[in-house]
Amino acid sequence: MTTTPHSLPDYLEEAILLHPENRVFPKFDAARLLRTVFEPTAGCRVCILLDFDEPQNLIKDFAFLQQDGFPIQKRAHEHFYQALHNRVMAELGMTGGEMFAYKMTHGSNLDHADEVWDCHGVQLSFDRDIYPNYDIILCISTFSATAPLTAKAKEFGFRGATMHGLNDVILSSGLAVDYLEVSRDAEKIRLALTKADAVEIDFALEDGRVLTAWLGLDGQEAQKSHGLCHGRTPDIANLPAGEVYFVPVDARGQFPMKYEDGTLGVLDVENRCIVHSTLIEGNPATIAAHNARLADDPMTGTLGELGFGTQVLPVSGADIQDEKVLGTCHMATGRDDHLGGDIVPEMFKKHENSTHDDILFAPHKTPNFNISQVRMHRGGKTEILIENFRPSAFLMHALIS
């Protein structure tokens, strides 16, 4: 096995990797973010999308601002809607600034209905009134809308950004960074990983077992989520950005899963699909429900993504930022058409099954097991990428080169 030596520069080891929470970020500035992500912005008409269970009532006259809850939507109003109207549109040469609401999907990357409501409570159509009439669409929602908006952007020709799960940590760190730097770092790691033949991930469990998942990549070009949508080419940035990813063509082996209720299971993978879950600890009903879902609609277990974080960021408690942290990796099940894959919503038994669900492996998220090693196989050589949730010298030297 060919590997890069594991010595790292002291400033990286001590100042950044061990204490990412101490990294100093500039104050969030909506104008700086939009200028950097969407250059050019002059002449662009912009709008903001929110999601609610009762959009027609809550968006009318901004009624949600007077009610308890809705922290994501309130941050969107304060930090984007008000900022746009106070100075950002004038500063960037943009117009519009309207805010609309659609019905919450309750699933990651599910296609949403065509109905949408404006701040007067008037029902409109996405396809007729929104997509053809805006150049930049900002979707700040509870559930990710990256996949459906990517498809619509290609159809209607707009650019946009999705920022689901927006919280204060994300505002002060993941959205405050310089995305030109994020893009450069993502490209360095992309070049270090591109054309990989396969990746193996070893998971060390508390009971002493080591599970290994093998993902076949077939020498494909690595892709990057880097946060830039420059020019006029239709595209959607998923923010915070900062990852390199592949669409697996095959997968086998086992990996652990921590479910939302804390239950731990071992997932068996064959022919790129999760086929069965076995209880480690927790609620047997959670495992039984997952197995029933896999039996009813096997497409829900298809692995559609393998991703690696490229940024040094503090833990936010939201996967949209935490999966971008250097030293973590994630897989995703379900649709991957927005990533250039072949899994589309029509392949699922039911519409509500056609989600894209990330499975993040990170110390704060999965403390019950460790990623003891991630290995990349390429051209007959093997490089270590991650050990014990720490980026290897191979990755670090790619970053500082």
Protein backbone atom coordinates (compact mmCIF):
# COMPACT_ATOMS: atom_id res chain seq x y z
CA MET A 1 0.00 0.00 0.00
CA THR A 2 1.35 3.41 -1.01
CA THR A 3 0.62 6.12 1.53
CA THR A 4 1.78 9.64 2.25
CA PRO A 5 3.67 10.23 5.53
CA HIS A 6 1.43 11.37 8.37
CA SER A 7 3.41 14.34 9.69
CA LEU A 8 1.51 17.64 9.41
CA PRO A 9 2.62 21.23 9.84
CA ASP A 10 2.20 22.30 13.46
CA TYR A 11 -0.09 25.21 12.66
CA LEU A 12 -2.51 22.88 10.88
CA GLU A 13 -2.38 20.23 13.58
CA GLU A 14 -2.82 22.54 16.55
CA ALA A 15 -4.47 25.77 15.45
CA ILE A 16 -6.98 24.44 12.95
CA LEU A 17 -7.64 20.73 13.06
CA LEU A 18 -7.80 20.29 16.82
CA HIS A 19 -9.74 23.46 17.56
CA PRO A 20 -11.96 24.41 14.61
CA GLU A 21 -14.34 26.17 16.99
CA ASN A 22 -11.64 28.80 17.54
CA ARG A 23 -11.38 29.74 13.88
CA VAL A 24 -12.21 33.42 13.42
CA PHE A 25 -14.81 34.25 10.75
CA PRO A 26 -15.82 37.64 9.37
CA LYS A 27 -19.28 38.90 10.24
CA PHE A 28 -21.98 37.51 7.95
CA ASP A 29 -22.79 39.88 5.14
CA ALA A 30 -25.55 38.99 2.68
CA ALA A 31 -24.15 41.31 0.02
CA ARG A 32 -20.70 39.71 0.18
CA LEU A 33 -22.20 36.22 0.03
CA LEU A 34 -24.46 36.92 -2.94
CA ARG A 35 -21.80 38.87 -4.84
CA THR A 36 -19.28 36.06 -4.40
CA VAL A 37 -21.66 33.19 -5.15
CA PHE A 38 -23.54 34.76 -8.08
CA GLU A 39 -21.13 37.12 -9.84
CA PRO A 40 -22.41 38.85 -11.89
CA THR A 41 -25.50 40.08 -10.05
CA ALA A 42 -26.22 43.37 -11.84
CA GLY A 43 -29.57 43.27 -13.58
CA CYS A 44 -30.65 40.05 -11.85
CA ARG A 45 -34.11 39.72 -10.35
CA VAL A 46 -34.02 37.82 -7.06
CA CYS A 47 -36.62 36.20 -4.79
CA ILE A 48 -36.73 34.13 -1.61
CA LEU A 49 -38.64 30.87 -1.03
CA LEU A 50 -39.77 29.57 2.39
CA ASP A 51 -41.65 26.41 3.35
CA PHE A 52 -44.55 26.02 5.80
CA ASP A 53 -47.22 23.44 6.52
CA GLU A 54 -49.82 26.19 5.98
CA PRO A 55 -48.06 28.55 3.58
CA GLN A 56 -51.14 30.44 2.44
CA ASN A 57 -51.87 31.59 6.02
CA LEU A 58 -48.37 32.07 7.40
CA ILE A 59 -46.83 34.03 4.53
CA LYS A 60 -49.77 36.45 4.24
CA ASP A 61 -48.65 39.78 5.68
CA PHE A 62 -45.67 37.84 7.16
CA ALA A 63 -47.95 36.35 9.83
CA PHE A 64 -45.26 33.84 10.83
CA LEU A 65 -43.22 36.67 12.34
CA GLN A 66 -45.89 37.18 15.00
CA GLN A 67 -46.10 33.50 15.98
CA ASP A 68 -43.91 31.23 18.06
CA GLY A 69 -41.50 28.97 16.20
CA PHE A 70 -40.34 29.12 12.59
CA PRO A 71 -36.70 29.96 13.41
CA ILE A 72 -35.41 29.15 9.91
CA GLN A 73 -38.01 31.30 8.22
CA LYS A 74 -37.47 34.18 10.65
CA ARG A 75 -33.73 34.14 10.01
CA ALA A 76 -34.45 34.19 6.29
CA HIS A 77 -36.63 37.27 6.75
CA GLU A 78 -34.10 39.10 8.92
CA HIS A 79 -30.82 38.23 7.25
CA PHE A 80 -31.92 37.99 3.61
CA TYR A 81 -35.31 39.64 2.95
CA GLN A 82 -34.66 42.71 5.07
CA ALA A 83 -31.03 42.88 3.96
CA LEU A 84 -32.07 42.78 0.30
CA HIS A 85 -34.48 45.66 0.72
CA ASN A 86 -32.31 47.73 3.06
CA ARG A 87 -29.20 47.85 0.88
CA VAL A 88 -28.15 44.63 -0.82
CA MET A 89 -30.21 44.92 -4.00
CA ALA A 90 -29.11 48.51 -4.54
CA GLU A 91 -25.50 47.65 -3.82
CA LEU A 92 -25.45 44.67 -6.19
CA GLY A 93 -27.67 46.13 -8.91
CA MET A 94 -30.44 43.58 -8.33
CA THR A 95 -34.23 43.95 -8.46
CA GLY A 96 -37.22 42.11 -7.03
CA GLY A 97 -36.67 40.86 -3.50
CA GLU A 98 -40.09 39.23 -3.16
CA MET A 99 -40.71 36.43 -0.68
CA PHE A 100 -42.90 33.40 -1.45
CA ALA A 101 -43.91 30.28 0.46
CA TYR A 102 -44.68 26.71 -0.59
CA LYS A 103 -46.03 23.68 1.22
CA MET A 104 -43.43 21.83 3.27
CA THR A 105 -42.44 18.48 1.73
CA HIS A 106 -41.36 16.74 4.97
CA GLY A 107 -38.66 14.92 3.02
CA SER A 108 -35.16 15.74 1.85
CA ASN A 109 -35.08 16.78 -1.82
CA LEU A 110 -38.64 15.74 -2.58
CA ASP A 111 -40.26 17.47 -5.52
CA HIS A 112 -42.73 20.06 -4.26
CA ALA A 113 -46.14 20.93 -5.63
CA ASP A 114 -46.56 23.74 -8.15
CA GLU A 115 -48.61 25.92 -5.79
CA VAL A 116 -46.84 28.83 -4.14
CA TRP A 117 -48.15 31.88 -2.25
CA ASP A 118 -46.99 35.49 -2.13
CA CYS A 119 -46.92 37.75 0.93
CA HIS A 120 -50.47 38.91 0.17
CA GLY A 121 -51.76 35.35 0.40
CA VAL A 122 -52.33 35.08 -3.35
CA GLN A 123 -51.82 31.62 -4.80
CA LEU A 124 -49.41 31.47 -7.73
CA SER A 125 -47.69 28.82 -9.85
CA PHE A 126 -43.98 28.00 -9.64
CA ASP A 127 -43.80 27.09 -13.32
CA ARG A 128 -45.83 30.08 -14.51
CA ASP A 129 -45.01 32.87 -12.05
CA ILE A 130 -41.70 32.15 -10.32
CA TYR A 131 -39.22 30.09 -12.32
CA PRO A 132 -39.55 32.03 -15.63
CA ASN A 133 -39.50 35.44 -13.95
CA TYR A 134 -36.48 35.34 -11.62
CA ASP A 135 -32.78 35.11 -12.37
CA ILE A 136 -31.70 34.12 -8.84
CA ILE A 137 -33.84 32.12 -6.41
CA LEU A 138 -32.83 31.70 -2.76
CA CYS A 139 -34.56 28.79 -1.05
CA ILE A 140 -34.24 28.95 2.75
CA SER A 141 -36.29 26.01 3.93
CA THR A 142 -36.75 23.30 6.53
CA PHE A 143 -36.09 20.44 4.13
CA SER A 144 -33.54 20.52 1.32
CA ALA A 145 -34.86 21.47 -2.12
CA THR A 146 -31.57 21.17 -4.02
CA ALA A 147 -32.61 18.28 -6.26
CA PRO A 148 -35.96 19.69 -7.46
CA LEU A 149 -34.58 23.21 -7.91
CA THR A 150 -31.60 21.87 -9.87
CA ALA A 151 -33.99 20.19 -12.30
CA LYS A 152 -36.12 23.34 -12.59
CA ALA A 153 -33.05 25.56 -13.06
CA LYS A 154 -32.03 23.49 -16.07
CA GLU A 155 -35.56 23.71 -17.45
CA PHE A 156 -36.15 27.43 -16.90
CA GLY A 157 -32.62 28.85 -16.92
CA PHE A 158 -32.28 30.48 -13.48
CA ARG A 159 -29.54 30.27 -10.85
CA GLY A 160 -30.05 29.83 -7.14
CA ALA A 161 -28.95 28.65 -3.73
CA THR A 162 -30.53 26.30 -1.21
CA MET A 163 -29.86 26.93 2.48
CA HIS A 164 -32.06 24.53 4.40
CA GLY A 165 -31.77 24.23 8.17
CA LEU A 166 -30.32 27.73 8.54
CA ASN A 167 -29.21 28.41 12.13
CA ASP A 168 -27.06 30.95 13.95
CA VAL A 169 -23.86 28.86 13.79
CA ILE A 170 -24.23 28.47 10.03
CA LEU A 171 -24.83 32.20 9.62
CA SER A 172 -21.73 33.08 11.62
CA SER A 173 -19.42 30.51 10.03
CA GLY A 174 -20.45 28.45 7.00
CA LEU A 175 -22.14 31.40 5.27
CA ALA A 176 -19.55 33.95 6.43
CA VAL A 177 -16.57 32.34 4.69
CA ASP A 178 -15.00 33.50 1.44
CA TYR A 179 -16.42 31.17 -1.19
CA LEU A 180 -13.59 31.90 -3.58
CA GLU A 181 -11.32 30.23 -1.01
CA VAL A 182 -13.81 27.43 -0.45
CA SER A 183 -13.91 26.79 -4.18
CA ARG A 184 -10.10 26.72 -4.45
CA ASP A 185 -9.78 24.25 -1.57
CA ALA A 186 -12.54 22.03 -2.93
CA GLU A 187 -10.80 21.93 -6.29
CA LYS A 188 -7.49 20.93 -4.69
CA ILE A 189 -9.14 17.97 -2.96
CA ARG A 190 -11.17 17.13 -6.05
CA LEU A 191 -7.95 16.85 -8.06
CA ALA A 192 -6.44 14.68 -5.33
CA LEU A 193 -9.38 12.23 -5.47
CA THR A 194 -10.57 12.33 -9.05
CA LYS A 195 -10.62 9.16 -11.16
CA ALA A 196 -10.64 6.96 -8.05
CA ASP A 197 -11.42 3.33 -8.81
CA ALA A 198 -12.90 2.59 -5.38
CA VAL A 199 -13.04 3.74 -1.78
CA GLU A 200 -13.09 1.52 1.30
CA ILE A 201 -14.28 2.73 4.71
CA ASP A 202 -13.53 0.88 7.95
CA PHE A 203 -15.92 1.46 10.86
CA ALA A 204 -14.76 0.43 14.35
CA LEU A 205 -17.66 -0.43 16.67
CA GLU A 206 -17.63 -0.29 20.47
CA ASP A 207 -17.92 -4.08 20.66
CA GLY A 208 -14.60 -4.50 18.82
CA ARG A 209 -15.98 -5.34 15.40
CA VAL A 210 -14.69 -3.57 12.30
CA LEU A 211 -17.13 -3.22 9.41
CA THR A 212 -15.96 -2.37 5.91
CA ALA A 213 -17.93 -0.74 3.12
CA TRP A 214 -16.54 -0.84 -0.41
CA LEU A 215 -17.82 1.67 -2.97
CA GLY A 216 -16.96 1.25 -6.63
CA LEU A 217 -16.38 4.52 -8.49
CA ASP A 218 -15.11 3.21 -11.83
CA GLY A 219 -12.49 5.91 -12.36
CA GLN A 220 -15.08 8.67 -12.63
CA GLU A 221 -14.27 12.37 -12.37
CA ALA A 222 -14.81 13.62 -8.83
CA GLN A 223 -17.30 16.48 -8.52
CA LYS A 224 -17.33 19.38 -6.09
CA SER A 225 -19.91 21.41 -4.25
CA HIS A 226 -18.01 24.68 -3.99
CA GLY A 227 -20.66 27.38 -3.69
CA LEU A 228 -20.04 29.36 -6.87
CA CYS A 229 -22.69 29.93 -9.57
CA HIS A 230 -20.87 32.42 -11.78
CA GLY A 231 -21.89 33.57 -15.22
CA ARG A 232 -25.40 32.94 -16.49
CA THR A 233 -25.29 29.15 -16.60
CA PRO A 234 -28.29 27.60 -14.80
CA ASP A 235 -27.10 26.07 -11.54
CA ILE A 236 -27.99 25.67 -7.87
CA ALA A 237 -25.47 26.08 -5.05
CA ASN A 238 -26.11 24.09 -1.90
CA LEU A 239 -24.90 26.33 0.95
CA PRO A 240 -22.88 25.99 3.08
CA ALA A 241 -20.73 24.34 0.42
CA GLY A 242 -17.37 22.62 0.55
CA GLU A 243 -17.29 18.96 -0.41
CA VAL A 244 -16.01 16.57 -3.04
CA TYR A 245 -18.35 13.79 -4.06
CA PHE A 246 -18.85 10.78 -6.29
CA VAL A 247 -21.89 8.88 -7.55
CA PRO A 248 -21.13 5.21 -6.72
CA VAL A 249 -21.62 2.69 -9.51
CA ASP A 250 -21.41 -0.26 -7.12
CA ALA A 251 -21.17 -0.93 -3.38
CA ARG A 252 -20.95 -3.86 -1.01
CA GLY A 253 -20.09 -4.71 2.58
CA GLN A 254 -21.45 -3.29 5.81
CA PHE A 255 -21.62 0.01 7.65
CA PRO A 256 -23.24 1.17 10.89
CA MET A 257 -26.24 3.47 11.01
CA LYS A 258 -27.42 5.73 13.81
CA TYR A 259 -31.13 6.38 13.37
CA GLU A 260 -32.90 9.58 14.40
CA ASP A 261 -34.13 8.03 17.67
CA GLY A 262 -30.60 6.92 18.61
CA THR A 263 -31.05 3.29 17.60
CA LEU A 264 -27.90 1.70 16.17
CA GLY A 265 -27.95 -0.85 13.38
CA VAL A 266 -25.63 -2.61 10.95
CA LEU A 267 -26.60 -2.19 7.30
CA ASP A 268 -25.78 -4.90 4.76
CA VAL A 269 -25.01 -3.64 1.26
CA GLU A 270 -25.14 -5.64 -1.96
CA ASN A 271 -25.04 -4.42 -5.57
CA ARG A 272 -25.06 -0.75 -4.46
CA CYS A 273 -28.16 -1.23 -2.31
CA ILE A 274 -28.80 -1.49 1.41
CA VAL A 275 -30.67 -4.78 1.70
CA HIS A 276 -31.04 -5.34 5.44
CA SER A 277 -30.53 -3.72 8.85
CA THR A 278 -29.60 -5.60 12.03
CA LEU A 279 -30.04 -4.17 15.52
CA ILE A 280 -26.98 -3.27 17.61
CA GLU A 281 -28.83 -1.44 20.34
CA GLY A 282 -31.94 0.63 20.76
CA ASN A 283 -35.47 0.16 19.48
CA PRO A 284 -36.15 -3.06 17.50
CA ALA A 285 -39.21 -1.39 15.96
CA THR A 286 -36.97 1.20 14.27
CA ILE A 287 -34.96 -1.57 12.60
CA ALA A 288 -38.13 -3.44 11.64
CA ALA A 289 -39.59 -0.30 10.06
CA HIS A 290 -36.44 0.25 8.00
CA ASN A 291 -36.41 -3.36 6.81
CA ALA A 292 -40.09 -3.10 5.88
CA ARG A 293 -39.38 0.04 3.88
CA LEU A 294 -36.48 -1.67 2.06
CA ALA A 295 -38.67 -4.67 1.24
CA ASP A 296 -41.54 -2.51 0.04
CA ASP A 297 -39.43 -0.15 -2.09
CA PRO A 298 -35.85 -1.38 -2.62
CA MET A 299 -34.88 1.85 -4.40
CA THR A 300 -34.92 3.61 -1.01
CA GLY A 301 -31.77 1.69 -0.11
CA THR A 302 -29.77 2.57 -3.22
CA LEU A 303 -26.54 4.44 -2.46
CA GLY A 304 -26.46 7.57 -4.60
CA GLU A 305 -23.54 9.55 -3.17
CA LEU A 306 -20.21 9.35 -1.41
CA GLY A 307 -18.95 12.71 -0.17
CA PHE A 308 -15.97 14.18 1.69
CA GLY A 309 -15.89 17.50 3.54
CA THR A 310 -13.26 20.07 2.56
CA GLN A 311 -13.70 22.91 5.08
CA VAL A 312 -12.57 23.64 8.64
CA LEU A 313 -15.83 24.63 10.32
CA PRO A 314 -17.37 24.39 13.79
CA VAL A 315 -20.11 21.83 14.41
CA SER A 316 -23.48 23.45 13.72
CA GLY A 317 -25.83 20.61 14.61
CA ALA A 318 -27.17 20.68 11.03
CA ASP A 319 -25.87 18.12 8.55
CA ILE A 320 -25.87 20.66 5.72
CA GLN A 321 -22.83 22.31 7.35
CA ASP A 322 -21.40 19.43 9.35
CA GLU A 323 -20.96 17.18 6.29
CA LYS A 324 -18.68 19.86 4.82
CA VAL A 325 -16.16 19.51 7.68
CA LEU A 326 -12.73 18.21 6.72
CA GLY A 327 -12.20 14.73 8.18
CA THR A 328 -15.83 13.65 7.81
CA CYS A 329 -17.47 11.66 5.08
CA HIS A 330 -21.04 10.86 4.20
CA MET A 331 -23.11 8.61 2.00
CA ALA A 332 -26.60 9.23 0.75
CA THR A 333 -29.47 7.01 -0.28
CA GLY A 334 -32.12 7.72 -2.87
CA ARG A 335 -32.33 10.03 -5.86
CA ASP A 336 -29.07 11.34 -7.28
CA ASP A 337 -30.15 12.92 -10.57
CA HIS A 338 -29.10 16.35 -9.28
CA LEU A 339 -25.57 14.95 -8.85
CA GLY A 340 -25.40 13.55 -12.36
CA GLY A 341 -26.58 10.09 -11.31
CA ASP A 342 -29.22 7.80 -12.78
CA ILE A 343 -31.67 7.51 -9.86
CA VAL A 344 -34.74 9.63 -10.65
CA PRO A 345 -38.01 10.09 -8.71
CA GLU A 346 -40.00 7.99 -11.16
CA MET A 347 -38.04 4.89 -10.12
CA PHE A 348 -39.55 4.87 -6.61
CA LYS A 349 -42.77 3.13 -5.68
CA LYS A 350 -44.22 6.26 -4.06
CA HIS A 351 -43.48 9.97 -4.46
CA GLU A 352 -42.70 10.37 -0.75
CA ASN A 353 -39.97 7.72 -1.07
CA SER A 354 -37.98 9.64 -3.70
CA THR A 355 -35.81 11.50 -1.21
CA HIS A 356 -32.05 12.05 -1.12
CA ASP A 357 -31.03 11.32 2.47
CA ASP A 358 -27.51 11.96 3.73
CA ILE A 359 -25.89 9.62 6.26
CA LEU A 360 -23.17 11.63 7.99
CA PHE A 361 -20.23 10.03 9.80
CA ALA A 362 -18.72 12.55 12.23
CA PRO A 363 -17.56 12.44 15.87
CA HIS A 364 -20.46 14.52 17.21
CA LYS A 365 -23.03 12.72 15.05
CA THR A 366 -21.91 9.13 15.47
CA PRO A 367 -19.94 8.90 18.73
CA ASN A 368 -20.81 5.20 19.07
CA PHE A 369 -18.43 4.21 16.29
CA ASN A 370 -15.25 5.48 14.70
CA ILE A 371 -14.10 5.77 11.12
CA SER A 372 -10.79 4.06 11.72
CA GLN A 373 -9.67 4.45 8.11
CA VAL A 374 -10.80 5.53 4.65
CA ARG A 375 -8.74 4.29 1.71
CA MET A 376 -8.79 5.33 -1.93
CA HIS A 377 -7.73 2.86 -4.61
CA ARG A 378 -6.61 4.37 -7.90
CA GLY A 379 -4.41 3.05 -10.67
CA GLY A 380 -3.03 0.21 -8.58
CA LYS A 381 -2.08 2.50 -5.67
CA THR A 382 -3.79 3.06 -2.34
CA GLU A 383 -3.90 6.31 -0.39
CA ILE A 384 -5.25 6.82 3.11
CA LEU A 385 -7.73 9.70 3.18
CA ILE A 386 -9.05 9.72 6.76
CA GLU A 387 -8.00 8.05 10.01
CA ASN A 388 -10.01 8.37 13.22
CA PHE A 389 -12.06 11.25 11.76
CA ARG A 390 -8.86 13.15 10.92
CA PRO A 391 -7.75 14.05 7.40
CA SER A 392 -4.59 12.26 6.38
CA ALA A 393 -1.36 13.92 5.37
CA PHE A 394 -2.27 13.03 1.77
CA LEU A 395 -5.32 15.32 1.97
CA MET A 396 -3.57 18.01 3.98
CA HIS A 397 -0.65 18.21 1.59
CA ALA A 398 -3.13 18.49 -1.28
CA LEU A 399 -4.69 21.48 0.50
CA ILE A 400 -1.46 23.32 1.23
CA SER A 401 0.18 22.63 -2.12
